[in-house]
């Protein structure tokens, strides 16, 4: 069962980080497959899942470009900065 976290601090921080670090608007979607987030969201916690897109996801010999990991690291850092520093 998909779950969608309503707009809030975490969702907005993730979207802002995507704009800043990747240069594009993100799209909220539950089409990424099954997720343990479906068990957490009903508690009222904000849940955002994001990661690199790749053709081998969840397959034998799964792999991702190093550049995608670098981008993802910057996005995570940006989210933490927005939530912990900018909103302090």
PDB file of N, CA and C in Angstrom:
ATOM      1  N   UNK A   1       0.839  -1.173   0.000  1.00  0.00           N
ATOM      2  CA  UNK A   1       0.000   0.000   0.000  1.00  0.00           C
ATOM      3  C   UNK A   1       0.887   1.240   0.000  1.00  0.00           C
ATOM      4  N   UNK A   2       0.792   2.079  -0.989  1.00  0.00           N
ATOM      5  CA  UNK A   2       1.609   3.297  -1.004  1.00  0.00           C
ATOM      6  C   UNK A   2       1.130   4.295   0.038  1.00  0.00           C
ATOM      7  N   UNK A   3       2.046   5.111   0.467  1.00  0.00           N
ATOM      8  CA  UNK A   3       1.674   6.193   1.375  1.00  0.00           C
ATOM      9  C   UNK A   3       2.327   7.460   0.876  1.00  0.00           C
ATOM     10  N   UNK A   4       1.664   8.572   1.075  1.00  0.00           N
ATOM     11  CA  UNK A   4       2.186   9.852   0.631  1.00  0.00           C
ATOM     12  C   UNK A   4       2.170  10.811   1.808  1.00  0.00           C
ATOM     13  N   UNK A   5       3.348  11.273   2.200  1.00  0.00           N
ATOM     14  CA  UNK A   5       3.457  12.221   3.293  1.00  0.00           C
ATOM     15  C   UNK A   5       2.918  13.569   2.825  1.00  0.00           C
ATOM     16  N   UNK A   6       2.041  14.179   3.593  1.00  0.00           N
ATOM     17  CA  UNK A   6       1.545  15.497   3.195  1.00  0.00           C
ATOM     18  C   UNK A   6       2.662  16.538   3.239  1.00  0.00           C
ATOM     19  N   UNK A   7       2.437  17.649   2.595  1.00  0.00           N
ATOM     20  CA  UNK A   7       3.418  18.731   2.597  1.00  0.00           C
ATOM     21  C   UNK A   7       3.793  19.068   4.030  1.00  0.00           C
ATOM     22  N   UNK A   8       5.063  19.321   4.239  1.00  0.00           N
ATOM     23  CA  UNK A   8       5.572  19.641   5.562  1.00  0.00           C
ATOM     24  C   UNK A   8       7.045  19.983   5.463  1.00  0.00           C
ATOM     25  N   UNK A   9       7.695  20.154   6.611  1.00  0.00           N
ATOM     26  CA  UNK A   9       9.106  20.556   6.628  1.00  0.00           C
ATOM     27  C   UNK A   9      10.005  19.627   5.827  1.00  0.00           C
ATOM     28  N   UNK A  10       9.863  18.319   6.028  1.00  0.00           N
ATOM     29  CA  UNK A  10      10.754  17.361   5.372  1.00  0.00           C
ATOM     30  C   UNK A  10      10.537  17.335   3.862  1.00  0.00           C
ATOM     31  N   UNK A  11       9.291  17.299   3.452  1.00  0.00           N
ATOM     32  CA  UNK A  11       8.986  17.284   2.014  1.00  0.00           C
ATOM     33  C   UNK A  11       9.513  18.555   1.356  1.00  0.00           C
ATOM     34  N   UNK A  12       9.255  19.694   1.981  1.00  0.00           N
ATOM     35  CA  UNK A  12       9.711  20.963   1.391  1.00  0.00           C
ATOM     36  C   UNK A  12      11.233  21.062   1.385  1.00  0.00           C
ATOM     37  N   UNK A  13      11.893  20.560   2.420  1.00  0.00           N
ATOM     38  CA  UNK A  13      13.363  20.574   2.450  1.00  0.00           C
ATOM     39  C   UNK A  13      13.923  19.685   1.345  1.00  0.00           C
ATOM     40  N   UNK A  14      13.328  18.532   1.143  1.00  0.00           N
ATOM     41  CA  UNK A  14      13.791  17.625   0.086  1.00  0.00           C
ATOM     42  C   UNK A  14      13.588  18.242  -1.292  1.00  0.00           C
ATOM     43  N   UNK A  15      12.455  18.889  -1.489  1.00  0.00           N
ATOM     44  CA  UNK A  15      12.190  19.525  -2.782  1.00  0.00           C
ATOM     45  C   UNK A  15      13.160  20.684  -3.018  1.00  0.00           C
ATOM     46  N   UNK A  16      13.415  21.492  -1.983  1.00  0.00           N
ATOM     47  CA  UNK A  16      14.350  22.609  -2.106  1.00  0.00           C
ATOM     48  C   UNK A  16      15.758  22.099  -2.386  1.00  0.00           C
ATOM     49  N   UNK A  17      16.157  21.024  -1.734  1.00  0.00           N
ATOM     50  CA  UNK A  17      17.486  20.439  -1.960  1.00  0.00           C
ATOM     51  C   UNK A  17      17.611  19.934  -3.396  1.00  0.00           C
ATOM     52  N   UNK A  18      16.552  19.354  -3.925  1.00  0.00           N
ATOM     53  CA  UNK A  18      16.569  18.899  -5.312  1.00  0.00           C
ATOM     54  C   UNK A  18      16.756  20.056  -6.276  1.00  0.00           C
ATOM     55  N   UNK A  19      16.057  21.148  -6.017  1.00  0.00           N
ATOM     56  CA  UNK A  19      16.209  22.334  -6.873  1.00  0.00           C
ATOM     57  C   UNK A  19      17.633  22.872  -6.792  1.00  0.00           C
ATOM     58  N   UNK A  20      18.138  23.008  -5.567  1.00  0.00           N
ATOM     59  CA  UNK A  20      19.462  23.600  -5.355  1.00  0.00           C
ATOM     60  C   UNK A  20      20.586  22.719  -5.899  1.00  0.00           C
ATOM     61  N   UNK A  21      20.554  21.448  -5.576  1.00  0.00           N
ATOM     62  CA  UNK A  21      21.670  20.558  -5.895  1.00  0.00           C
ATOM     63  C   UNK A  21      21.584  19.913  -7.269  1.00  0.00           C
ATOM     64  N   UNK A  22      20.369  19.712  -7.767  1.00  0.00           N
ATOM     65  CA  UNK A  22      20.205  19.011  -9.041  1.00  0.00           C
ATOM     66  C   UNK A  22      19.683  19.908 -10.150  1.00  0.00           C
ATOM     67  N   UNK A  23      19.115  21.047  -9.754  1.00  0.00           N
ATOM     68  CA  UNK A  23      18.653  22.001 -10.751  1.00  0.00           C
ATOM     69  C   UNK A  23      17.325  21.673 -11.394  1.00  0.00           C
ATOM     70  N   UNK A  24      16.498  20.872 -10.731  1.00  0.00           N
ATOM     71  CA  UNK A  24      15.180  20.614 -11.298  1.00  0.00           C
ATOM     72  C   UNK A  24      14.158  20.403 -10.200  1.00  0.00           C
ATOM     73  N   UNK A  25      12.893  20.540 -10.580  1.00  0.00           N
ATOM     74  CA  UNK A  25      11.793  20.329  -9.643  1.00  0.00           C
ATOM     75  C   UNK A  25      11.543  18.838  -9.490  1.00  0.00           C
ATOM     76  N   UNK A  26      11.354  18.410  -8.260  1.00  0.00           N
ATOM     77  CA  UNK A  26      11.049  17.007  -8.007  1.00  0.00           C
ATOM     78  C   UNK A  26       9.552  16.779  -8.114  1.00  0.00           C
ATOM     79  N   UNK A  27       9.187  15.538  -8.228  1.00  0.00           N
ATOM     80  CA  UNK A  27       7.781  15.148  -8.348  1.00  0.00           C
ATOM     81  C   UNK A  27       7.479  14.189  -7.204  1.00  0.00           C
ATOM     82  N   UNK A  28       6.450  14.467  -6.438  1.00  0.00           N
ATOM     83  CA  UNK A  28       6.041  13.555  -5.381  1.00  0.00           C
ATOM     84  C   UNK A  28       5.319  12.375  -6.014  1.00  0.00           C
ATOM     85  N   UNK A  29       5.764  11.167  -5.645  1.00  0.00           N
ATOM     86  CA  UNK A  29       5.209   9.982  -6.274  1.00  0.00           C
ATOM     87  C   UNK A  29       5.329   8.789  -5.338  1.00  0.00           C
ATOM     88  N   UNK A  30       4.413   7.878  -5.444  1.00  0.00           N
ATOM     89  CA  UNK A  30       4.490   6.619  -4.704  1.00  0.00           C
ATOM     90  C   UNK A  30       4.718   5.448  -5.652  1.00  0.00           C
ATOM     91  N   UNK A  31       5.227   5.722  -6.844  1.00  0.00           N
ATOM     92  CA  UNK A  31       5.373   4.671  -7.851  1.00  0.00           C
ATOM     93  C   UNK A  31       6.705   3.934  -7.785  1.00  0.00           C
ATOM     94  N   UNK A  32       7.507   4.193  -6.756  1.00  0.00           N
ATOM     95  CA  UNK A  32       8.825   3.570  -6.670  1.00  0.00           C
ATOM     96  C   UNK A  32       8.827   2.140  -6.196  1.00  0.00           C
ATOM     97  N   UNK A  33       7.687   1.571  -5.908  1.00  0.00           N
ATOM     98  CA  UNK A  33       7.636   0.189  -5.450  1.00  0.00           C
ATOM     99  C   UNK A  33       7.307   0.124  -3.974  1.00  0.00           C
ATOM    100  N   UNK A  34       7.428  -1.061  -3.412  1.00  0.00           N
ATOM    101  CA  UNK A  34       7.091  -1.250  -2.012  1.00  0.00           C
ATOM    102  C   UNK A  34       8.109  -0.582  -1.098  1.00  0.00           C
ATOM    103  N   UNK A  35       7.674  -0.200   0.073  1.00  0.00           N
ATOM    104  CA  UNK A  35       8.537   0.543   0.973  1.00  0.00           C
ATOM    105  C   UNK A  35       8.131   0.318   2.423  1.00  0.00           C
ATOM    106  N   UNK A  36       9.116   0.265   3.305  1.00  0.00           N
ATOM    107  CA  UNK A  36       8.806   0.194   4.731  1.00  0.00           C
ATOM    108  C   UNK A  36       8.211   1.509   5.226  1.00  0.00           C
ATOM    109  N   UNK A  37       8.330   2.569   4.427  1.00  0.00           N
ATOM    110  CA  UNK A  37       7.725   3.840   4.781  1.00  0.00           C
ATOM    111  C   UNK A  37       6.227   3.718   5.001  1.00  0.00           C
ATOM    112  N   UNK A  38       5.607   2.725   4.383  1.00  0.00           N
ATOM    113  CA  UNK A  38       4.158   2.539   4.539  1.00  0.00           C
ATOM    114  C   UNK A  38       3.797   2.182   5.975  1.00  0.00           C
ATOM    115  N   UNK A  39       4.761   1.662   6.745  1.00  0.00           N
ATOM    116  CA  UNK A  39       4.504   1.336   8.143  1.00  0.00           C
ATOM    117  C   UNK A  39       4.774   2.536   9.052  1.00  0.00           C
ATOM    118  N   UNK A  40       5.616   3.444   8.601  1.00  0.00           N
ATOM    119  CA  UNK A  40       6.020   4.595   9.411  1.00  0.00           C
ATOM    120  C   UNK A  40       5.057   5.761   9.226  1.00  0.00           C
ATOM    121  N   UNK A  41       4.624   6.009   8.002  1.00  0.00           N
ATOM    122  CA  UNK A  41       3.761   7.154   7.700  1.00  0.00           C
ATOM    123  C   UNK A  41       2.489   7.192   8.547  1.00  0.00           C
ATOM    124  N   UNK A  42       1.826   6.066   8.810  1.00  0.00           N
ATOM    125  CA  UNK A  42       0.598   6.127   9.612  1.00  0.00           C
ATOM    126  C   UNK A  42       0.813   6.624  11.046  1.00  0.00           C
ATOM    127  N   UNK A  43       2.056   6.649  11.527  1.00  0.00           N
ATOM    128  CA  UNK A  43       2.326   7.158  12.869  1.00  0.00           C
ATOM    129  C   UNK A  43       2.304   8.680  12.911  1.00  0.00           C
ATOM    130  N   UNK A  44       2.239   9.298  11.738  1.00  0.00           N
ATOM    131  CA  UNK A  44       2.251  10.751  11.656  1.00  0.00           C
ATOM    132  C   UNK A  44       3.620  11.315  11.327  1.00  0.00           C
ATOM    133  N   UNK A  45       4.632  10.456  11.283  1.00  0.00           N
ATOM    134  CA  UNK A  45       5.981  10.902  10.934  1.00  0.00           C
ATOM    135  C   UNK A  45       6.035  11.242   9.449  1.00  0.00           C
ATOM    136  N   UNK A  46       6.841  12.228   9.120  1.00  0.00           N
ATOM    137  CA  UNK A  46       7.047  12.557   7.710  1.00  0.00           C
ATOM    138  C   UNK A  46       8.012  11.527   7.118  1.00  0.00           C
ATOM    139  N   UNK A  47       7.698  11.041   5.949  1.00  0.00           N
ATOM    140  CA  UNK A  47       8.527  10.032   5.294  1.00  0.00           C
ATOM    141  C   UNK A  47       8.841  10.496   3.882  1.00  0.00           C
ATOM    142  N   UNK A  48      10.122  10.540   3.563  1.00  0.00           N
ATOM    143  CA  UNK A  48      10.561  10.848   2.207  1.00  0.00           C
ATOM    144  C   UNK A  48      11.613   9.822   1.832  1.00  0.00           C
ATOM    145  N   UNK A  49      11.445   9.210   0.706  1.00  0.00           N
ATOM    146  CA  UNK A  49      12.442   8.274   0.199  1.00  0.00           C
ATOM    147  C   UNK A  49      12.971   8.824  -1.101  1.00  0.00           C
ATOM    148  N   UNK A  50      14.268   8.872  -1.209  1.00  0.00           N
ATOM    149  CA  UNK A  50      14.859   9.329  -2.453  1.00  0.00           C
ATOM    150  C   UNK A  50      16.187   8.630  -2.639  1.00  0.00           C
ATOM    151  N   UNK A  51      16.551   8.495  -3.875  1.00  0.00           N
ATOM    152  CA  UNK A  51      17.805   7.826  -4.199  1.00  0.00           C
ATOM    153  C   UNK A  51      18.067   7.921  -5.678  1.00  0.00           C
ATOM    154  N   UNK A  52      19.188   7.380  -6.082  1.00  0.00           N
ATOM    155  CA  UNK A  52      19.540   7.444  -7.506  1.00  0.00           C
ATOM    156  C   UNK A  52      18.660   6.528  -8.343  1.00  0.00           C
ATOM    157  N   UNK A  53      18.416   6.946  -9.556  1.00  0.00           N
ATOM    158  CA  UNK A  53      17.691   6.131 -10.511  1.00  0.00           C
ATOM    159  C   UNK A  53      18.725   5.349 -11.316  1.00  0.00           C
ATOM    160  N   UNK A  54      18.481   4.072 -11.478  1.00  0.00           N
ATOM    161  CA  UNK A  54      19.399   3.292 -12.309  1.00  0.00           C
ATOM    162  C   UNK A  54      18.663   2.104 -12.910  1.00  0.00           C
ATOM    163  N   UNK A  55      19.202   1.599 -13.994  1.00  0.00           N
ATOM    164  CA  UNK A  55      18.547   0.519 -14.742  1.00  0.00           C
ATOM    165  C   UNK A  55      18.664  -0.832 -14.053  1.00  0.00           C
ATOM    166  N   UNK A  56      19.553  -0.959 -13.070  1.00  0.00           N
ATOM    167  CA  UNK A  56      19.770  -2.261 -12.440  1.00  0.00           C
ATOM    168  C   UNK A  56      19.231  -2.339 -11.016  1.00  0.00           C
ATOM    169  N   UNK A  57      18.401  -1.385 -10.631  1.00  0.00           N
ATOM    170  CA  UNK A  57      17.923  -1.347  -9.257  1.00  0.00           C
ATOM    171  C   UNK A  57      17.239  -2.655  -8.855  1.00  0.00           C
ATOM    172  N   UNK A  58      17.651  -3.181  -7.714  1.00  0.00           N
ATOM    173  CA  UNK A  58      17.123  -4.423  -7.139  1.00  0.00           C
ATOM    174  C   UNK A  58      17.306  -5.636  -8.042  1.00  0.00           C
ATOM    175  N   UNK A  59      18.322  -5.620  -8.864  1.00  0.00           N
ATOM    176  CA  UNK A  59      18.628  -6.758  -9.727  1.00  0.00           C
ATOM    177  C   UNK A  59      19.999  -7.307  -9.365  1.00  0.00           C
ATOM    178  N   UNK A  60      20.326  -8.474  -9.879  1.00  0.00           N
ATOM    179  CA  UNK A  60      21.647  -9.047  -9.675  1.00  0.00           C
ATOM    180  C   UNK A  60      22.685  -8.069 -10.236  1.00  0.00           C
ATOM    181  N   UNK A  61      23.756  -7.872  -9.511  1.00  0.00           N
ATOM    182  CA  UNK A  61      24.832  -6.958  -9.908  1.00  0.00           C
ATOM    183  C   UNK A  61      24.341  -5.511 -10.015  1.00  0.00           C
ATOM    184  N   UNK A  62      23.498  -5.130  -9.071  1.00  0.00           N
ATOM    185  CA  UNK A  62      22.992  -3.752  -9.044  1.00  0.00           C
ATOM    186  C   UNK A  62      24.166  -2.784  -8.972  1.00  0.00           C
ATOM    187  N   UNK A  63      24.083  -1.702  -9.715  1.00  0.00           N
ATOM    188  CA  UNK A  63      25.158  -0.720  -9.714  1.00  0.00           C
ATOM    189  C   UNK A  63      24.594   0.662 -10.027  1.00  0.00           C
ATOM    190  N   UNK A  64      25.386   1.667  -9.627  1.00  0.00           N
ATOM    191  CA  UNK A  64      24.981   3.046  -9.846  1.00  0.00           C
ATOM    192  C   UNK A  64      26.246   3.852 -10.129  1.00  0.00           C
ATOM    193  N   UNK A  65      26.109   4.901 -10.901  1.00  0.00           N
ATOM    194  CA  UNK A  65      27.246   5.756 -11.242  1.00  0.00           C
ATOM    195  C   UNK A  65      27.747   6.489  -9.997  1.00  0.00           C
ATOM    196  N   UNK A  66      29.043   6.611  -9.883  1.00  0.00           N
ATOM    197  CA  UNK A  66      29.638   7.327  -8.754  1.00  0.00           C
ATOM    198  C   UNK A  66      29.125   8.760  -8.712  1.00  0.00           C
ATOM    199  N   UNK A  67      28.968   9.386  -9.851  1.00  0.00           N
ATOM    200  CA  UNK A  67      28.448  10.752  -9.910  1.00  0.00           C
ATOM    201  C   UNK A  67      27.068  10.846  -9.252  1.00  0.00           C
ATOM    202  N   UNK A  68      26.230   9.833  -9.442  1.00  0.00           N
ATOM    203  CA  UNK A  68      24.898   9.831  -8.829  1.00  0.00           C
ATOM    204  C   UNK A  68      25.004   9.775  -7.308  1.00  0.00           C
ATOM    205  N   UNK A  69      25.974   9.044  -6.790  1.00  0.00           N
ATOM    206  CA  UNK A  69      26.177   8.977  -5.343  1.00  0.00           C
ATOM    207  C   UNK A  69      26.671  10.311  -4.804  1.00  0.00           C
ATOM    208  N   UNK A  70      27.532  10.972  -5.551  1.00  0.00           N
ATOM    209  CA  UNK A  70      27.998  12.305  -5.154  1.00  0.00           C
ATOM    210  C   UNK A  70      26.828  13.290  -5.108  1.00  0.00           C
ATOM    211  N   UNK A  71      25.972  13.239  -6.122  1.00  0.00           N
ATOM    212  CA  UNK A  71      24.800  14.123  -6.156  1.00  0.00           C
ATOM    213  C   UNK A  71      23.880  13.833  -4.975  1.00  0.00           C
ATOM    214  N   UNK A  72      23.651  12.554  -4.710  1.00  0.00           N
ATOM    215  CA  UNK A  72      22.770  12.162  -3.623  1.00  0.00           C
ATOM    216  C   UNK A  72      23.323  12.634  -2.277  1.00  0.00           C
ATOM    217  N   UNK A  73      24.618  12.525  -2.111  1.00  0.00           N
ATOM    218  CA  UNK A  73      25.255  12.995  -0.883  1.00  0.00           C
ATOM    219  C   UNK A  73      25.030  14.494  -0.690  1.00  0.00           C
ATOM    220  N   UNK A  74      25.147  15.254  -1.768  1.00  0.00           N
ATOM    221  CA  UNK A  74      24.912  16.703  -1.683  1.00  0.00           C
ATOM    222  C   UNK A  74      23.454  17.004  -1.348  1.00  0.00           C
ATOM    223  N   UNK A  75      22.538  16.234  -1.908  1.00  0.00           N
ATOM    224  CA  UNK A  75      21.115  16.430  -1.612  1.00  0.00           C
ATOM    225  C   UNK A  75      20.848  16.154  -0.140  1.00  0.00           C
ATOM    226  N   UNK A  76      21.373  15.053   0.390  1.00  0.00           N
ATOM    227  CA  UNK A  76      21.185  14.731   1.805  1.00  0.00           C
ATOM    228  C   UNK A  76      21.750  15.836   2.694  1.00  0.00           C
ATOM    229  N   UNK A  77      22.947  16.315   2.371  1.00  0.00           N
ATOM    230  CA  UNK A  77      23.556  17.388   3.157  1.00  0.00           C
ATOM    231  C   UNK A  77      22.703  18.655   3.101  1.00  0.00           C
ATOM    232  N   UNK A  78      22.188  18.962   1.933  1.00  0.00           N
ATOM    233  CA  UNK A  78      21.346  20.145   1.773  1.00  0.00           C
ATOM    234  C   UNK A  78      20.066  20.020   2.593  1.00  0.00           C
ATOM    235  N   UNK A  79      19.461  18.843   2.606  1.00  0.00           N
ATOM    236  CA  UNK A  79      18.249  18.622   3.410  1.00  0.00           C
ATOM    237  C   UNK A  79      18.555  18.857   4.880  1.00  0.00           C
ATOM    238  N   UNK A  80      19.657  18.287   5.360  1.00  0.00           N
ATOM    239  CA  UNK A  80      20.017  18.465   6.777  1.00  0.00           C
ATOM    240  C   UNK A  80      20.294  19.931   7.107  1.00  0.00           C
ATOM    241  N   UNK A  81      20.959  20.646   6.200  1.00  0.00           N
ATOM    242  CA  UNK A  81      21.245  22.051   6.433  1.00  0.00           C
ATOM    243  C   UNK A  81      19.945  22.851   6.534  1.00  0.00           C
ATOM    244  N   UNK A  82      19.044  22.595   5.609  1.00  0.00           N
ATOM    245  CA  UNK A  82      17.757  23.310   5.621  1.00  0.00           C
ATOM    246  C   UNK A  82      17.009  23.034   6.923  1.00  0.00           C
ATOM    247  N   UNK A  83      16.951  21.786   7.328  1.00  0.00           N
ATOM    248  CA  UNK A  83      16.172  21.430   8.518  1.00  0.00           C
ATOM    249  C   UNK A  83      16.854  21.827   9.829  1.00  0.00           C
ATOM    250  N   UNK A  84      18.169  21.695   9.898  1.00  0.00           N
ATOM    251  CA  UNK A  84      18.866  21.874  11.168  1.00  0.00           C
ATOM    252  C   UNK A  84      19.513  23.241  11.349  1.00  0.00           C
ATOM    253  N   UNK A  85      19.900  23.892  10.250  1.00  0.00           N
ATOM    254  CA  UNK A  85      20.584  25.172  10.358  1.00  0.00           C
ATOM    255  C   UNK A  85      19.669  26.313   9.957  1.00  0.00           C
ATOM    256  N   UNK A  86      19.126  26.221   8.764  1.00  0.00           N
ATOM    257  CA  UNK A  86      18.294  27.310   8.250  1.00  0.00           C
ATOM    258  C   UNK A  86      17.020  27.507   9.068  1.00  0.00           C
ATOM    259  N   UNK A  87      16.486  26.438   9.651  1.00  0.00           N
ATOM    260  CA  UNK A  87      15.248  26.520  10.433  1.00  0.00           C
ATOM    261  C   UNK A  87      15.512  26.645  11.931  1.00  0.00           C
ATOM    262  N   UNK A  88      16.767  26.793  12.328  1.00  0.00           N
ATOM    263  CA  UNK A  88      17.098  26.864  13.776  1.00  0.00           C
ATOM    264  C   UNK A  88      16.698  28.191  14.364  1.00  0.00           C
TER     265      UNK A  88
END
